[in-house]
Amino acid sequence: GVDKSKVKFYRHEDCHKAYGIFSSP
């Protein structure tokens, strides 16, 4: 029941980058 105004799509490669940076201990 989540409205489309609350949904966003992010570039595949950018998701990899963010995960790599922010997952670092």
PDBML (XML) file of the C-alpha atoms, coordinates in Angstrom:
<?xml version="1.0" encoding="UTF-8" ?>
<PDBx:datablock datablockName="MODEL"
   xmlns:PDBx="http://pdbml.pdb.org/schema/pdbx-v50.xsd"
   xmlns:xsi="http://www.w3.org/2001/XMLSchema-instance"
   xsi:schemaLocation="http://pdbml.pdb.org/schema/pdbx-v50.xsd pdbx-v50.xsd">
   <PDBx:atom_siteCategory>
      <PDBx:atom_site id="1">
         <PDBx:B_iso_or_equiv>0.00</PDBx:B_iso_or_equiv>
         <PDBx:Cartn_x>0.000</PDBx:Cartn_x>
         <PDBx:Cartn_y>0.000</PDBx:Cartn_y>
         <PDBx:Cartn_z>0.000</PDBx:Cartn_z>
         <PDBx:auth_asym_id>A</PDBx:auth_asym_id>
         <PDBx:auth_atom_id>CA</PDBx:auth_atom_id>
         <PDBx:auth_comp_id>GLY</PDBx:auth_comp_id>
         <PDBx:auth_seq_id>1</PDBx:auth_seq_id>
         <PDBx:group_PDB>ATOM</PDBx:group_PDB>
         <PDBx:label_alt_id xsi:nil="true" />
         <PDBx:label_asym_id>A</PDBx:label_asym_id>
         <PDBx:label_atom_id>CA</PDBx:label_atom_id>
         <PDBx:label_comp_id>GLY</PDBx:label_comp_id>
         <PDBx:label_entity_id>1</PDBx:label_entity_id>
         <PDBx:label_seq_id>1</PDBx:label_seq_id>
         <PDBx:occupancy>1.00</PDBx:occupancy>
         <PDBx:pdbx_PDB_model_num>1</PDBx:pdbx_PDB_model_num>
         <PDBx:type_symbol>C</PDBx:type_symbol>
      </PDBx:atom_site>
      <PDBx:atom_site id="2">
         <PDBx:B_iso_or_equiv>0.00</PDBx:B_iso_or_equiv>
         <PDBx:Cartn_x>3.020</PDBx:Cartn_x>
         <PDBx:Cartn_y>2.308</PDBx:Cartn_y>
         <PDBx:Cartn_z>-0.395</PDBx:Cartn_z>
         <PDBx:auth_asym_id>A</PDBx:auth_asym_id>
         <PDBx:auth_atom_id>CA</PDBx:auth_atom_id>
         <PDBx:auth_comp_id>VAL</PDBx:auth_comp_id>
         <PDBx:auth_seq_id>2</PDBx:auth_seq_id>
         <PDBx:group_PDB>ATOM</PDBx:group_PDB>
         <PDBx:label_alt_id xsi:nil="true" />
         <PDBx:label_asym_id>A</PDBx:label_asym_id>
         <PDBx:label_atom_id>CA</PDBx:label_atom_id>
         <PDBx:label_comp_id>VAL</PDBx:label_comp_id>
         <PDBx:label_entity_id>1</PDBx:label_entity_id>
         <PDBx:label_seq_id>2</PDBx:label_seq_id>
         <PDBx:occupancy>1.00</PDBx:occupancy>
         <PDBx:pdbx_PDB_model_num>1</PDBx:pdbx_PDB_model_num>
         <PDBx:type_symbol>C</PDBx:type_symbol>
      </PDBx:atom_site>
      <PDBx:atom_site id="3">
         <PDBx:B_iso_or_equiv>0.00</PDBx:B_iso_or_equiv>
         <PDBx:Cartn_x>2.336</PDBx:Cartn_x>
         <PDBx:Cartn_y>5.231</PDBx:Cartn_y>
         <PDBx:Cartn_z>-2.717</PDBx:Cartn_z>
         <PDBx:auth_asym_id>A</PDBx:auth_asym_id>
         <PDBx:auth_atom_id>CA</PDBx:auth_atom_id>
         <PDBx:auth_comp_id>ASP</PDBx:auth_comp_id>
         <PDBx:auth_seq_id>3</PDBx:auth_seq_id>
         <PDBx:group_PDB>ATOM</PDBx:group_PDB>
         <PDBx:label_alt_id xsi:nil="true" />
         <PDBx:label_asym_id>A</PDBx:label_asym_id>
         <PDBx:label_atom_id>CA</PDBx:label_atom_id>
         <PDBx:label_comp_id>ASP</PDBx:label_comp_id>
         <PDBx:label_entity_id>1</PDBx:label_entity_id>
         <PDBx:label_seq_id>3</PDBx:label_seq_id>
         <PDBx:occupancy>1.00</PDBx:occupancy>
         <PDBx:pdbx_PDB_model_num>1</PDBx:pdbx_PDB_model_num>
         <PDBx:type_symbol>C</PDBx:type_symbol>
      </PDBx:atom_site>
      <PDBx:atom_site id="4">
         <PDBx:B_iso_or_equiv>0.00</PDBx:B_iso_or_equiv>
         <PDBx:Cartn_x>4.659</PDBx:Cartn_x>
         <PDBx:Cartn_y>5.845</PDBx:Cartn_y>
         <PDBx:Cartn_z>-5.647</PDBx:Cartn_z>
         <PDBx:auth_asym_id>A</PDBx:auth_asym_id>
         <PDBx:auth_atom_id>CA</PDBx:auth_atom_id>
         <PDBx:auth_comp_id>LYS</PDBx:auth_comp_id>
         <PDBx:auth_seq_id>4</PDBx:auth_seq_id>
         <PDBx:group_PDB>ATOM</PDBx:group_PDB>
         <PDBx:label_alt_id xsi:nil="true" />
         <PDBx:label_asym_id>A</PDBx:label_asym_id>
         <PDBx:label_atom_id>CA</PDBx:label_atom_id>
         <PDBx:label_comp_id>LYS</PDBx:label_comp_id>
         <PDBx:label_entity_id>1</PDBx:label_entity_id>
         <PDBx:label_seq_id>4</PDBx:label_seq_id>
         <PDBx:occupancy>1.00</PDBx:occupancy>
         <PDBx:pdbx_PDB_model_num>1</PDBx:pdbx_PDB_model_num>
         <PDBx:type_symbol>C</PDBx:type_symbol>
      </PDBx:atom_site>
      <PDBx:atom_site id="5">
         <PDBx:B_iso_or_equiv>0.00</PDBx:B_iso_or_equiv>
         <PDBx:Cartn_x>5.621</PDBx:Cartn_x>
         <PDBx:Cartn_y>9.236</PDBx:Cartn_y>
         <PDBx:Cartn_z>-4.194</PDBx:Cartn_z>
         <PDBx:auth_asym_id>A</PDBx:auth_asym_id>
         <PDBx:auth_atom_id>CA</PDBx:auth_atom_id>
         <PDBx:auth_comp_id>SER</PDBx:auth_comp_id>
         <PDBx:auth_seq_id>5</PDBx:auth_seq_id>
         <PDBx:group_PDB>ATOM</PDBx:group_PDB>
         <PDBx:label_alt_id xsi:nil="true" />
         <PDBx:label_asym_id>A</PDBx:label_asym_id>
         <PDBx:label_atom_id>CA</PDBx:label_atom_id>
         <PDBx:label_comp_id>SER</PDBx:label_comp_id>
         <PDBx:label_entity_id>1</PDBx:label_entity_id>
         <PDBx:label_seq_id>5</PDBx:label_seq_id>
         <PDBx:occupancy>1.00</PDBx:occupancy>
         <PDBx:pdbx_PDB_model_num>1</PDBx:pdbx_PDB_model_num>
         <PDBx:type_symbol>C</PDBx:type_symbol>
      </PDBx:atom_site>
      <PDBx:atom_site id="6">
         <PDBx:B_iso_or_equiv>0.00</PDBx:B_iso_or_equiv>
         <PDBx:Cartn_x>7.603</PDBx:Cartn_x>
         <PDBx:Cartn_y>7.358</PDBx:Cartn_y>
         <PDBx:Cartn_z>-1.537</PDBx:Cartn_z>
         <PDBx:auth_asym_id>A</PDBx:auth_asym_id>
         <PDBx:auth_atom_id>CA</PDBx:auth_atom_id>
         <PDBx:auth_comp_id>LYS</PDBx:auth_comp_id>
         <PDBx:auth_seq_id>6</PDBx:auth_seq_id>
         <PDBx:group_PDB>ATOM</PDBx:group_PDB>
         <PDBx:label_alt_id xsi:nil="true" />
         <PDBx:label_asym_id>A</PDBx:label_asym_id>
         <PDBx:label_atom_id>CA</PDBx:label_atom_id>
         <PDBx:label_comp_id>LYS</PDBx:label_comp_id>
         <PDBx:label_entity_id>1</PDBx:label_entity_id>
         <PDBx:label_seq_id>6</PDBx:label_seq_id>
         <PDBx:occupancy>1.00</PDBx:occupancy>
         <PDBx:pdbx_PDB_model_num>1</PDBx:pdbx_PDB_model_num>
         <PDBx:type_symbol>C</PDBx:type_symbol>
      </PDBx:atom_site>
      <PDBx:atom_site id="7">
         <PDBx:B_iso_or_equiv>0.00</PDBx:B_iso_or_equiv>
         <PDBx:Cartn_x>9.489</PDBx:Cartn_x>
         <PDBx:Cartn_y>5.178</PDBx:Cartn_y>
         <PDBx:Cartn_z>-4.025</PDBx:Cartn_z>
         <PDBx:auth_asym_id>A</PDBx:auth_asym_id>
         <PDBx:auth_atom_id>CA</PDBx:auth_atom_id>
         <PDBx:auth_comp_id>VAL</PDBx:auth_comp_id>
         <PDBx:auth_seq_id>7</PDBx:auth_seq_id>
         <PDBx:group_PDB>ATOM</PDBx:group_PDB>
         <PDBx:label_alt_id xsi:nil="true" />
         <PDBx:label_asym_id>A</PDBx:label_asym_id>
         <PDBx:label_atom_id>CA</PDBx:label_atom_id>
         <PDBx:label_comp_id>VAL</PDBx:label_comp_id>
         <PDBx:label_entity_id>1</PDBx:label_entity_id>
         <PDBx:label_seq_id>7</PDBx:label_seq_id>
         <PDBx:occupancy>1.00</PDBx:occupancy>
         <PDBx:pdbx_PDB_model_num>1</PDBx:pdbx_PDB_model_num>
         <PDBx:type_symbol>C</PDBx:type_symbol>
      </PDBx:atom_site>
      <PDBx:atom_site id="8">
         <PDBx:B_iso_or_equiv>0.00</PDBx:B_iso_or_equiv>
         <PDBx:Cartn_x>12.807</PDBx:Cartn_x>
         <PDBx:Cartn_y>6.014</PDBx:Cartn_y>
         <PDBx:Cartn_z>-5.672</PDBx:Cartn_z>
         <PDBx:auth_asym_id>A</PDBx:auth_asym_id>
         <PDBx:auth_atom_id>CA</PDBx:auth_atom_id>
         <PDBx:auth_comp_id>LYS</PDBx:auth_comp_id>
         <PDBx:auth_seq_id>8</PDBx:auth_seq_id>
         <PDBx:group_PDB>ATOM</PDBx:group_PDB>
         <PDBx:label_alt_id xsi:nil="true" />
         <PDBx:label_asym_id>A</PDBx:label_asym_id>
         <PDBx:label_atom_id>CA</PDBx:label_atom_id>
         <PDBx:label_comp_id>LYS</PDBx:label_comp_id>
         <PDBx:label_entity_id>1</PDBx:label_entity_id>
         <PDBx:label_seq_id>8</PDBx:label_seq_id>
         <PDBx:occupancy>1.00</PDBx:occupancy>
         <PDBx:pdbx_PDB_model_num>1</PDBx:pdbx_PDB_model_num>
         <PDBx:type_symbol>C</PDBx:type_symbol>
      </PDBx:atom_site>
      <PDBx:atom_site id="9">
         <PDBx:B_iso_or_equiv>0.00</PDBx:B_iso_or_equiv>
         <PDBx:Cartn_x>15.129</PDBx:Cartn_x>
         <PDBx:Cartn_y>4.108</PDBx:Cartn_y>
         <PDBx:Cartn_z>-8.001</PDBx:Cartn_z>
         <PDBx:auth_asym_id>A</PDBx:auth_asym_id>
         <PDBx:auth_atom_id>CA</PDBx:auth_atom_id>
         <PDBx:auth_comp_id>PHE</PDBx:auth_comp_id>
         <PDBx:auth_seq_id>9</PDBx:auth_seq_id>
         <PDBx:group_PDB>ATOM</PDBx:group_PDB>
         <PDBx:label_alt_id xsi:nil="true" />
         <PDBx:label_asym_id>A</PDBx:label_asym_id>
         <PDBx:label_atom_id>CA</PDBx:label_atom_id>
         <PDBx:label_comp_id>PHE</PDBx:label_comp_id>
         <PDBx:label_entity_id>1</PDBx:label_entity_id>
         <PDBx:label_seq_id>9</PDBx:label_seq_id>
         <PDBx:occupancy>1.00</PDBx:occupancy>
         <PDBx:pdbx_PDB_model_num>1</PDBx:pdbx_PDB_model_num>
         <PDBx:type_symbol>C</PDBx:type_symbol>
      </PDBx:atom_site>
      <PDBx:atom_site id="10">
         <PDBx:B_iso_or_equiv>0.00</PDBx:B_iso_or_equiv>
         <PDBx:Cartn_x>18.923</PDBx:Cartn_x>
         <PDBx:Cartn_y>4.215</PDBx:Cartn_y>
         <PDBx:Cartn_z>-7.817</PDBx:Cartn_z>
         <PDBx:auth_asym_id>A</PDBx:auth_asym_id>
         <PDBx:auth_atom_id>CA</PDBx:auth_atom_id>
         <PDBx:auth_comp_id>TYR</PDBx:auth_comp_id>
         <PDBx:auth_seq_id>10</PDBx:auth_seq_id>
         <PDBx:group_PDB>ATOM</PDBx:group_PDB>
         <PDBx:label_alt_id xsi:nil="true" />
         <PDBx:label_asym_id>A</PDBx:label_asym_id>
         <PDBx:label_atom_id>CA</PDBx:label_atom_id>
         <PDBx:label_comp_id>TYR</PDBx:label_comp_id>
         <PDBx:label_entity_id>1</PDBx:label_entity_id>
         <PDBx:label_seq_id>10</PDBx:label_seq_id>
         <PDBx:occupancy>1.00</PDBx:occupancy>
         <PDBx:pdbx_PDB_model_num>1</PDBx:pdbx_PDB_model_num>
         <PDBx:type_symbol>C</PDBx:type_symbol>
      </PDBx:atom_site>
      <PDBx:atom_site id="11">
         <PDBx:B_iso_or_equiv>0.00</PDBx:B_iso_or_equiv>
         <PDBx:Cartn_x>21.518</PDBx:Cartn_x>
         <PDBx:Cartn_y>3.325</PDBx:Cartn_y>
         <PDBx:Cartn_z>-10.426</PDBx:Cartn_z>
         <PDBx:auth_asym_id>A</PDBx:auth_asym_id>
         <PDBx:auth_atom_id>CA</PDBx:auth_atom_id>
         <PDBx:auth_comp_id>ARG</PDBx:auth_comp_id>
         <PDBx:auth_seq_id>11</PDBx:auth_seq_id>
         <PDBx:group_PDB>ATOM</PDBx:group_PDB>
         <PDBx:label_alt_id xsi:nil="true" />
         <PDBx:label_asym_id>A</PDBx:label_asym_id>
         <PDBx:label_atom_id>CA</PDBx:label_atom_id>
         <PDBx:label_comp_id>ARG</PDBx:label_comp_id>
         <PDBx:label_entity_id>1</PDBx:label_entity_id>
         <PDBx:label_seq_id>11</PDBx:label_seq_id>
         <PDBx:occupancy>1.00</PDBx:occupancy>
         <PDBx:pdbx_PDB_model_num>1</PDBx:pdbx_PDB_model_num>
         <PDBx:type_symbol>C</PDBx:type_symbol>
      </PDBx:atom_site>
      <PDBx:atom_site id="12">
         <PDBx:B_iso_or_equiv>0.00</PDBx:B_iso_or_equiv>
         <PDBx:Cartn_x>22.854</PDBx:Cartn_x>
         <PDBx:Cartn_y>-0.220</PDBx:Cartn_y>
         <PDBx:Cartn_z>-10.036</PDBx:Cartn_z>
         <PDBx:auth_asym_id>A</PDBx:auth_asym_id>
         <PDBx:auth_atom_id>CA</PDBx:auth_atom_id>
         <PDBx:auth_comp_id>HIS</PDBx:auth_comp_id>
         <PDBx:auth_seq_id>12</PDBx:auth_seq_id>
         <PDBx:group_PDB>ATOM</PDBx:group_PDB>
         <PDBx:label_alt_id xsi:nil="true" />
         <PDBx:label_asym_id>A</PDBx:label_asym_id>
         <PDBx:label_atom_id>CA</PDBx:label_atom_id>
         <PDBx:label_comp_id>HIS</PDBx:label_comp_id>
         <PDBx:label_entity_id>1</PDBx:label_entity_id>
         <PDBx:label_seq_id>12</PDBx:label_seq_id>
         <PDBx:occupancy>1.00</PDBx:occupancy>
         <PDBx:pdbx_PDB_model_num>1</PDBx:pdbx_PDB_model_num>
         <PDBx:type_symbol>C</PDBx:type_symbol>
      </PDBx:atom_site>
      <PDBx:atom_site id="13">
         <PDBx:B_iso_or_equiv>0.00</PDBx:B_iso_or_equiv>
         <PDBx:Cartn_x>26.506</PDBx:Cartn_x>
         <PDBx:Cartn_y>0.829</PDBx:Cartn_y>
         <PDBx:Cartn_z>-9.993</PDBx:Cartn_z>
         <PDBx:auth_asym_id>A</PDBx:auth_asym_id>
         <PDBx:auth_atom_id>CA</PDBx:auth_atom_id>
         <PDBx:auth_comp_id>GLU</PDBx:auth_comp_id>
         <PDBx:auth_seq_id>13</PDBx:auth_seq_id>
         <PDBx:group_PDB>ATOM</PDBx:group_PDB>
         <PDBx:label_alt_id xsi:nil="true" />
         <PDBx:label_asym_id>A</PDBx:label_asym_id>
         <PDBx:label_atom_id>CA</PDBx:label_atom_id>
         <PDBx:label_comp_id>GLU</PDBx:label_comp_id>
         <PDBx:label_entity_id>1</PDBx:label_entity_id>
         <PDBx:label_seq_id>13</PDBx:label_seq_id>
         <PDBx:occupancy>1.00</PDBx:occupancy>
         <PDBx:pdbx_PDB_model_num>1</PDBx:pdbx_PDB_model_num>
         <PDBx:type_symbol>C</PDBx:type_symbol>
      </PDBx:atom_site>
      <PDBx:atom_site id="14">
         <PDBx:B_iso_or_equiv>0.00</PDBx:B_iso_or_equiv>
         <PDBx:Cartn_x>25.878</PDBx:Cartn_x>
         <PDBx:Cartn_y>3.613</PDBx:Cartn_y>
         <PDBx:Cartn_z>-7.478</PDBx:Cartn_z>
         <PDBx:auth_asym_id>A</PDBx:auth_asym_id>
         <PDBx:auth_atom_id>CA</PDBx:auth_atom_id>
         <PDBx:auth_comp_id>ASP</PDBx:auth_comp_id>
         <PDBx:auth_seq_id>14</PDBx:auth_seq_id>
         <PDBx:group_PDB>ATOM</PDBx:group_PDB>
         <PDBx:label_alt_id xsi:nil="true" />
         <PDBx:label_asym_id>A</PDBx:label_asym_id>
         <PDBx:label_atom_id>CA</PDBx:label_atom_id>
         <PDBx:label_comp_id>ASP</PDBx:label_comp_id>
         <PDBx:label_entity_id>1</PDBx:label_entity_id>
         <PDBx:label_seq_id>14</PDBx:label_seq_id>
         <PDBx:occupancy>1.00</PDBx:occupancy>
         <PDBx:pdbx_PDB_model_num>1</PDBx:pdbx_PDB_model_num>
         <PDBx:type_symbol>C</PDBx:type_symbol>
      </PDBx:atom_site>
      <PDBx:atom_site id="15">
         <PDBx:B_iso_or_equiv>0.00</PDBx:B_iso_or_equiv>
         <PDBx:Cartn_x>24.271</PDBx:Cartn_x>
         <PDBx:Cartn_y>1.091</PDBx:Cartn_y>
         <PDBx:Cartn_z>-5.126</PDBx:Cartn_z>
         <PDBx:auth_asym_id>A</PDBx:auth_asym_id>
         <PDBx:auth_atom_id>CA</PDBx:auth_atom_id>
         <PDBx:auth_comp_id>CYS</PDBx:auth_comp_id>
         <PDBx:auth_seq_id>15</PDBx:auth_seq_id>
         <PDBx:group_PDB>ATOM</PDBx:group_PDB>
         <PDBx:label_alt_id xsi:nil="true" />
         <PDBx:label_asym_id>A</PDBx:label_asym_id>
         <PDBx:label_atom_id>CA</PDBx:label_atom_id>
         <PDBx:label_comp_id>CYS</PDBx:label_comp_id>
         <PDBx:label_entity_id>1</PDBx:label_entity_id>
         <PDBx:label_seq_id>15</PDBx:label_seq_id>
         <PDBx:occupancy>1.00</PDBx:occupancy>
         <PDBx:pdbx_PDB_model_num>1</PDBx:pdbx_PDB_model_num>
         <PDBx:type_symbol>C</PDBx:type_symbol>
      </PDBx:atom_site>
      <PDBx:atom_site id="16">
         <PDBx:B_iso_or_equiv>0.00</PDBx:B_iso_or_equiv>
         <PDBx:Cartn_x>27.456</PDBx:Cartn_x>
         <PDBx:Cartn_y>-0.998</PDBx:Cartn_y>
         <PDBx:Cartn_z>-5.299</PDBx:Cartn_z>
         <PDBx:auth_asym_id>A</PDBx:auth_asym_id>
         <PDBx:auth_atom_id>CA</PDBx:auth_atom_id>
         <PDBx:auth_comp_id>HIS</PDBx:auth_comp_id>
         <PDBx:auth_seq_id>16</PDBx:auth_seq_id>
         <PDBx:group_PDB>ATOM</PDBx:group_PDB>
         <PDBx:label_alt_id xsi:nil="true" />
         <PDBx:label_asym_id>A</PDBx:label_asym_id>
         <PDBx:label_atom_id>CA</PDBx:label_atom_id>
         <PDBx:label_comp_id>HIS</PDBx:label_comp_id>
         <PDBx:label_entity_id>1</PDBx:label_entity_id>
         <PDBx:label_seq_id>16</PDBx:label_seq_id>
         <PDBx:occupancy>1.00</PDBx:occupancy>
         <PDBx:pdbx_PDB_model_num>1</PDBx:pdbx_PDB_model_num>
         <PDBx:type_symbol>C</PDBx:type_symbol>
      </PDBx:atom_site>
      <PDBx:atom_site id="17">
         <PDBx:B_iso_or_equiv>0.00</PDBx:B_iso_or_equiv>
         <PDBx:Cartn_x>29.564</PDBx:Cartn_x>
         <PDBx:Cartn_y>2.068</PDBx:Cartn_y>
         <PDBx:Cartn_z>-4.496</PDBx:Cartn_z>
         <PDBx:auth_asym_id>A</PDBx:auth_asym_id>
         <PDBx:auth_atom_id>CA</PDBx:auth_atom_id>
         <PDBx:auth_comp_id>LYS</PDBx:auth_comp_id>
         <PDBx:auth_seq_id>17</PDBx:auth_seq_id>
         <PDBx:group_PDB>ATOM</PDBx:group_PDB>
         <PDBx:label_alt_id xsi:nil="true" />
         <PDBx:label_asym_id>A</PDBx:label_asym_id>
         <PDBx:label_atom_id>CA</PDBx:label_atom_id>
         <PDBx:label_comp_id>LYS</PDBx:label_comp_id>
         <PDBx:label_entity_id>1</PDBx:label_entity_id>
         <PDBx:label_seq_id>17</PDBx:label_seq_id>
         <PDBx:occupancy>1.00</PDBx:occupancy>
         <PDBx:pdbx_PDB_model_num>1</PDBx:pdbx_PDB_model_num>
         <PDBx:type_symbol>C</PDBx:type_symbol>
      </PDBx:atom_site>
      <PDBx:atom_site id="18">
         <PDBx:B_iso_or_equiv>0.00</PDBx:B_iso_or_equiv>
         <PDBx:Cartn_x>27.438</PDBx:Cartn_x>
         <PDBx:Cartn_y>3.140</PDBx:Cartn_y>
         <PDBx:Cartn_z>-1.541</PDBx:Cartn_z>
         <PDBx:auth_asym_id>A</PDBx:auth_asym_id>
         <PDBx:auth_atom_id>CA</PDBx:auth_atom_id>
         <PDBx:auth_comp_id>ALA</PDBx:auth_comp_id>
         <PDBx:auth_seq_id>18</PDBx:auth_seq_id>
         <PDBx:group_PDB>ATOM</PDBx:group_PDB>
         <PDBx:label_alt_id xsi:nil="true" />
         <PDBx:label_asym_id>A</PDBx:label_asym_id>
         <PDBx:label_atom_id>CA</PDBx:label_atom_id>
         <PDBx:label_comp_id>ALA</PDBx:label_comp_id>
         <PDBx:label_entity_id>1</PDBx:label_entity_id>
         <PDBx:label_seq_id>18</PDBx:label_seq_id>
         <PDBx:occupancy>1.00</PDBx:occupancy>
         <PDBx:pdbx_PDB_model_num>1</PDBx:pdbx_PDB_model_num>
         <PDBx:type_symbol>C</PDBx:type_symbol>
      </PDBx:atom_site>
      <PDBx:atom_site id="19">
         <PDBx:B_iso_or_equiv>0.00</PDBx:B_iso_or_equiv>
         <PDBx:Cartn_x>27.398</PDBx:Cartn_x>
         <PDBx:Cartn_y>-0.363</PDBx:Cartn_y>
         <PDBx:Cartn_z>-0.133</PDBx:Cartn_z>
         <PDBx:auth_asym_id>A</PDBx:auth_asym_id>
         <PDBx:auth_atom_id>CA</PDBx:auth_atom_id>
         <PDBx:auth_comp_id>TYR</PDBx:auth_comp_id>
         <PDBx:auth_seq_id>19</PDBx:auth_seq_id>
         <PDBx:group_PDB>ATOM</PDBx:group_PDB>
         <PDBx:label_alt_id xsi:nil="true" />
         <PDBx:label_asym_id>A</PDBx:label_asym_id>
         <PDBx:label_atom_id>CA</PDBx:label_atom_id>
         <PDBx:label_comp_id>TYR</PDBx:label_comp_id>
         <PDBx:label_entity_id>1</PDBx:label_entity_id>
         <PDBx:label_seq_id>19</PDBx:label_seq_id>
         <PDBx:occupancy>1.00</PDBx:occupancy>
         <PDBx:pdbx_PDB_model_num>1</PDBx:pdbx_PDB_model_num>
         <PDBx:type_symbol>C</PDBx:type_symbol>
      </PDBx:atom_site>
      <PDBx:atom_site id="20">
         <PDBx:B_iso_or_equiv>0.00</PDBx:B_iso_or_equiv>
         <PDBx:Cartn_x>31.169</PDBx:Cartn_x>
         <PDBx:Cartn_y>-0.620</PDBx:Cartn_y>
         <PDBx:Cartn_z>-0.469</PDBx:Cartn_z>
         <PDBx:auth_asym_id>A</PDBx:auth_asym_id>
         <PDBx:auth_atom_id>CA</PDBx:auth_atom_id>
         <PDBx:auth_comp_id>GLY</PDBx:auth_comp_id>
         <PDBx:auth_seq_id>20</PDBx:auth_seq_id>
         <PDBx:group_PDB>ATOM</PDBx:group_PDB>
         <PDBx:label_alt_id xsi:nil="true" />
         <PDBx:label_asym_id>A</PDBx:label_asym_id>
         <PDBx:label_atom_id>CA</PDBx:label_atom_id>
         <PDBx:label_comp_id>GLY</PDBx:label_comp_id>
         <PDBx:label_entity_id>1</PDBx:label_entity_id>
         <PDBx:label_seq_id>20</PDBx:label_seq_id>
         <PDBx:occupancy>1.00</PDBx:occupancy>
         <PDBx:pdbx_PDB_model_num>1</PDBx:pdbx_PDB_model_num>
         <PDBx:type_symbol>C</PDBx:type_symbol>
      </PDBx:atom_site>
      <PDBx:atom_site id="21">
         <PDBx:B_iso_or_equiv>0.00</PDBx:B_iso_or_equiv>
         <PDBx:Cartn_x>31.877</PDBx:Cartn_x>
         <PDBx:Cartn_y>2.699</PDBx:Cartn_y>
         <PDBx:Cartn_z>1.271</PDBx:Cartn_z>
         <PDBx:auth_asym_id>A</PDBx:auth_asym_id>
         <PDBx:auth_atom_id>CA</PDBx:auth_atom_id>
         <PDBx:auth_comp_id>ILE</PDBx:auth_comp_id>
         <PDBx:auth_seq_id>21</PDBx:auth_seq_id>
         <PDBx:group_PDB>ATOM</PDBx:group_PDB>
         <PDBx:label_alt_id xsi:nil="true" />
         <PDBx:label_asym_id>A</PDBx:label_asym_id>
         <PDBx:label_atom_id>CA</PDBx:label_atom_id>
         <PDBx:label_comp_id>ILE</PDBx:label_comp_id>
         <PDBx:label_entity_id>1</PDBx:label_entity_id>
         <PDBx:label_seq_id>21</PDBx:label_seq_id>
         <PDBx:occupancy>1.00</PDBx:occupancy>
         <PDBx:pdbx_PDB_model_num>1</PDBx:pdbx_PDB_model_num>
         <PDBx:type_symbol>C</PDBx:type_symbol>
      </PDBx:atom_site>
      <PDBx:atom_site id="22">
         <PDBx:B_iso_or_equiv>0.00</PDBx:B_iso_or_equiv>
         <PDBx:Cartn_x>29.306</PDBx:Cartn_x>
         <PDBx:Cartn_y>2.579</PDBx:Cartn_y>
         <PDBx:Cartn_z>4.066</PDBx:Cartn_z>
         <PDBx:auth_asym_id>A</PDBx:auth_asym_id>
         <PDBx:auth_atom_id>CA</PDBx:auth_atom_id>
         <PDBx:auth_comp_id>PHE</PDBx:auth_comp_id>
         <PDBx:auth_seq_id>22</PDBx:auth_seq_id>
         <PDBx:group_PDB>ATOM</PDBx:group_PDB>
         <PDBx:label_alt_id xsi:nil="true" />
         <PDBx:label_asym_id>A</PDBx:label_asym_id>
         <PDBx:label_atom_id>CA</PDBx:label_atom_id>
         <PDBx:label_comp_id>PHE</PDBx:label_comp_id>
         <PDBx:label_entity_id>1</PDBx:label_entity_id>
         <PDBx:label_seq_id>22</PDBx:label_seq_id>
         <PDBx:occupancy>1.00</PDBx:occupancy>
         <PDBx:pdbx_PDB_model_num>1</PDBx:pdbx_PDB_model_num>
         <PDBx:type_symbol>C</PDBx:type_symbol>
      </PDBx:atom_site>
      <PDBx:atom_site id="23">
         <PDBx:B_iso_or_equiv>0.00</PDBx:B_iso_or_equiv>
         <PDBx:Cartn_x>29.743</PDBx:Cartn_x>
         <PDBx:Cartn_y>-1.110</PDBx:Cartn_y>
         <PDBx:Cartn_z>4.919</PDBx:Cartn_z>
         <PDBx:auth_asym_id>A</PDBx:auth_asym_id>
         <PDBx:auth_atom_id>CA</PDBx:auth_atom_id>
         <PDBx:auth_comp_id>SER</PDBx:auth_comp_id>
         <PDBx:auth_seq_id>23</PDBx:auth_seq_id>
         <PDBx:group_PDB>ATOM</PDBx:group_PDB>
         <PDBx:label_alt_id xsi:nil="true" />
         <PDBx:label_asym_id>A</PDBx:label_asym_id>
         <PDBx:label_atom_id>CA</PDBx:label_atom_id>
         <PDBx:label_comp_id>SER</PDBx:label_comp_id>
         <PDBx:label_entity_id>1</PDBx:label_entity_id>
         <PDBx:label_seq_id>23</PDBx:label_seq_id>
         <PDBx:occupancy>1.00</PDBx:occupancy>
         <PDBx:pdbx_PDB_model_num>1</PDBx:pdbx_PDB_model_num>
         <PDBx:type_symbol>C</PDBx:type_symbol>
      </PDBx:atom_site>
      <PDBx:atom_site id="24">
         <PDBx:B_iso_or_equiv>0.00</PDBx:B_iso_or_equiv>
         <PDBx:Cartn_x>33.414</PDBx:Cartn_x>
         <PDBx:Cartn_y>-0.547</PDBx:Cartn_y>
         <PDBx:Cartn_z>5.779</PDBx:Cartn_z>
         <PDBx:auth_asym_id>A</PDBx:auth_asym_id>
         <PDBx:auth_atom_id>CA</PDBx:auth_atom_id>
         <PDBx:auth_comp_id>SER</PDBx:auth_comp_id>
         <PDBx:auth_seq_id>24</PDBx:auth_seq_id>
         <PDBx:group_PDB>ATOM</PDBx:group_PDB>
         <PDBx:label_alt_id xsi:nil="true" />
         <PDBx:label_asym_id>A</PDBx:label_asym_id>
         <PDBx:label_atom_id>CA</PDBx:label_atom_id>
         <PDBx:label_comp_id>SER</PDBx:label_comp_id>
         <PDBx:label_entity_id>1</PDBx:label_entity_id>
         <PDBx:label_seq_id>24</PDBx:label_seq_id>
         <PDBx:occupancy>1.00</PDBx:occupancy>
         <PDBx:pdbx_PDB_model_num>1</PDBx:pdbx_PDB_model_num>
         <PDBx:type_symbol>C</PDBx:type_symbol>
      </PDBx:atom_site>
      <PDBx:atom_site id="25">
         <PDBx:B_iso_or_equiv>0.00</PDBx:B_iso_or_equiv>
         <PDBx:Cartn_x>34.183</PDBx:Cartn_x>
         <PDBx:Cartn_y>-1.058</PDBx:Cartn_y>
         <PDBx:Cartn_z>9.473</PDBx:Cartn_z>
         <PDBx:auth_asym_id>A</PDBx:auth_asym_id>
         <PDBx:auth_atom_id>CA</PDBx:auth_atom_id>
         <PDBx:auth_comp_id>PRO</PDBx:auth_comp_id>
         <PDBx:auth_seq_id>25</PDBx:auth_seq_id>
         <PDBx:group_PDB>ATOM</PDBx:group_PDB>
         <PDBx:label_alt_id xsi:nil="true" />
         <PDBx:label_asym_id>A</PDBx:label_asym_id>
         <PDBx:label_atom_id>CA</PDBx:label_atom_id>
         <PDBx:label_comp_id>PRO</PDBx:label_comp_id>
         <PDBx:label_entity_id>1</PDBx:label_entity_id>
         <PDBx:label_seq_id>25</PDBx:label_seq_id>
         <PDBx:occupancy>1.00</PDBx:occupancy>
         <PDBx:pdbx_PDB_model_num>1</PDBx:pdbx_PDB_model_num>
         <PDBx:type_symbol>C</PDBx:type_symbol>
      </PDBx:atom_site>
   </PDBx:atom_siteCategory>
</PDBx:datablock>
